[in-house]
Amino acid sequence: MNLKKIVTMVSRVLLLKGVHWGIKKGTQAVAKRGKTATPAAPVAGGHGSPARDAAKRARKAAAVTRRIGR
């Protein structure tokens, strides 16, 4: 294995980790935005605010899509 392949593999892993970290932080920021001082009423079957639940579903859908793409 030559040096170019190793550098490419390492950079790809680091880039993917950075993108996933950014997506996670972005969905968390969207879920927190507009939050009031009092906690939101729990949704049936959920444990948090509707926005947080939607962000969690979006992360799960993204994970499934990545798994299918492999």
C-alpha atoms as a PDB file:
ATOM      1  CA  MET A   1       0.000   0.000   0.000  1.00  0.00           C
ATOM      2  CA  ASN A   2       1.516   3.318  -0.992  1.00  0.00           C
ATOM      3  CA  LEU A   3       1.513   6.594   0.929  1.00  0.00           C
ATOM      4  CA  LYS A   4      -1.094   8.257  -1.302  1.00  0.00           C
ATOM      5  CA  LYS A   5      -3.696   5.574  -0.524  1.00  0.00           C
ATOM      6  CA  ILE A   6      -3.034   5.829   3.207  1.00  0.00           C
ATOM      7  CA  VAL A   7      -3.362   9.617   3.181  1.00  0.00           C
ATOM      8  CA  THR A   8      -6.573   9.375   1.152  1.00  0.00           C
ATOM      9  CA  MET A   9      -8.093   6.832   3.538  1.00  0.00           C
ATOM     10  CA  VAL A  10      -7.209   8.851   6.639  1.00  0.00           C
ATOM     11  CA  SER A  11      -8.469  12.114   5.151  1.00  0.00           C
ATOM     12  CA  ARG A  12     -11.741  10.467   4.073  1.00  0.00           C
ATOM     13  CA  VAL A  13     -12.343   9.114   7.586  1.00  0.00           C
ATOM     14  CA  LEU A  14     -11.607  12.498   9.160  1.00  0.00           C
ATOM     15  CA  LEU A  15     -13.829  14.326   6.679  1.00  0.00           C
ATOM     16  CA  LEU A  16     -16.758  11.951   7.282  1.00  0.00           C
ATOM     17  CA  LYS A  17     -16.388  12.278  11.051  1.00  0.00           C
ATOM     18  CA  GLY A  18     -16.382  16.064  10.695  1.00  0.00           C
ATOM     19  CA  VAL A  19     -19.483  16.050   8.500  1.00  0.00           C
ATOM     20  CA  HIS A  20     -21.359  13.748  10.885  1.00  0.00           C
ATOM     21  CA  TRP A  21     -20.340  15.925  13.838  1.00  0.00           C
ATOM     22  CA  GLY A  22     -21.594  19.025  12.024  1.00  0.00           C
ATOM     23  CA  ILE A  23     -24.915  17.403  11.137  1.00  0.00           C
ATOM     24  CA  LYS A  24     -25.418  16.280  14.723  1.00  0.00           C
ATOM     25  CA  LYS A  25     -24.623  19.722  16.138  1.00  0.00           C
ATOM     26  CA  GLY A  26     -26.866  21.387  13.566  1.00  0.00           C
ATOM     27  CA  THR A  27     -29.867  19.202  14.333  1.00  0.00           C
ATOM     28  CA  GLN A  28     -29.349  19.762  18.054  1.00  0.00           C
ATOM     29  CA  ALA A  29     -29.203  23.530  17.500  1.00  0.00           C
ATOM     30  CA  VAL A  30     -32.434  23.434  15.489  1.00  0.00           C
ATOM     31  CA  ALA A  31     -34.097  21.351  18.200  1.00  0.00           C
ATOM     32  CA  LYS A  32     -33.076  23.865  20.887  1.00  0.00           C
ATOM     33  CA  ARG A  33     -34.087  26.960  18.907  1.00  0.00           C
ATOM     34  CA  GLY A  34     -37.223  28.692  20.127  1.00  0.00           C
ATOM     35  CA  LYS A  35     -37.305  26.752  23.375  1.00  0.00           C
ATOM     36  CA  THR A  36     -39.227  28.514  26.153  1.00  0.00           C
ATOM     37  CA  ALA A  37     -38.357  28.653  29.854  1.00  0.00           C
ATOM     38  CA  THR A  38     -40.997  26.037  30.657  1.00  0.00           C
ATOM     39  CA  PRO A  39     -40.520  22.587  29.168  1.00  0.00           C
ATOM     40  CA  ALA A  40     -42.819  21.591  26.335  1.00  0.00           C
ATOM     41  CA  ALA A  41     -45.582  19.104  26.959  1.00  0.00           C
ATOM     42  CA  PRO A  42     -44.389  15.614  26.087  1.00  0.00           C
ATOM     43  CA  VAL A  43     -45.721  14.133  22.878  1.00  0.00           C
ATOM     44  CA  ALA A  44     -47.481  10.785  23.091  1.00  0.00           C
ATOM     45  CA  GLY A  45     -44.783   8.160  22.813  1.00  0.00           C
ATOM     46  CA  GLY A  46     -41.968  10.717  23.062  1.00  0.00           C
ATOM     47  CA  HIS A  47     -39.882  11.981  25.939  1.00  0.00           C
ATOM     48  CA  GLY A  48     -39.017  15.466  24.718  1.00  0.00           C
ATOM     49  CA  SER A  49     -40.178  18.370  22.666  1.00  0.00           C
ATOM     50  CA  PRO A  50     -41.636  17.764  19.194  1.00  0.00           C
ATOM     51  CA  ALA A  51     -38.654  19.506  17.582  1.00  0.00           C
ATOM     52  CA  ARG A  52     -36.183  17.320  19.458  1.00  0.00           C
ATOM     53  CA  ASP A  53     -38.127  14.191  18.483  1.00  0.00           C
ATOM     54  CA  ALA A  54     -38.163  15.305  14.847  1.00  0.00           C
ATOM     55  CA  ALA A  55     -34.406  15.902  14.948  1.00  0.00           C
ATOM     56  CA  LYS A  56     -33.896  12.436  16.437  1.00  0.00           C
ATOM     57  CA  ARG A  57     -35.998  10.870  13.672  1.00  0.00           C
ATOM     58  CA  ALA A  58     -33.981  12.802  11.080  1.00  0.00           C
ATOM     59  CA  ARG A  59     -30.704  11.484  12.522  1.00  0.00           C
ATOM     60  CA  LYS A  60     -32.060   7.930  12.471  1.00  0.00           C
ATOM     61  CA  ALA A  61     -33.226   8.340   8.871  1.00  0.00           C
ATOM     62  CA  ALA A  62     -29.801   9.682   7.871  1.00  0.00           C
ATOM     63  CA  ALA A  63     -28.124   6.698   9.531  1.00  0.00           C
ATOM     64  CA  VAL A  64     -30.384   4.257   7.685  1.00  0.00           C
ATOM     65  CA  THR A  65     -29.703   6.031   4.397  1.00  0.00           C
ATOM     66  CA  ARG A  66     -25.942   5.837   4.994  1.00  0.00           C
ATOM     67  CA  ARG A  67     -26.236   2.119   5.769  1.00  0.00           C
ATOM     68  CA  ILE A  68     -28.184   1.485   2.569  1.00  0.00           C
ATOM     69  CA  GLY A  69     -25.624   3.438   0.525  1.00  0.00           C
ATOM     70  CA  ARG A  70     -22.734   1.209   1.614  1.00  0.00           C
END
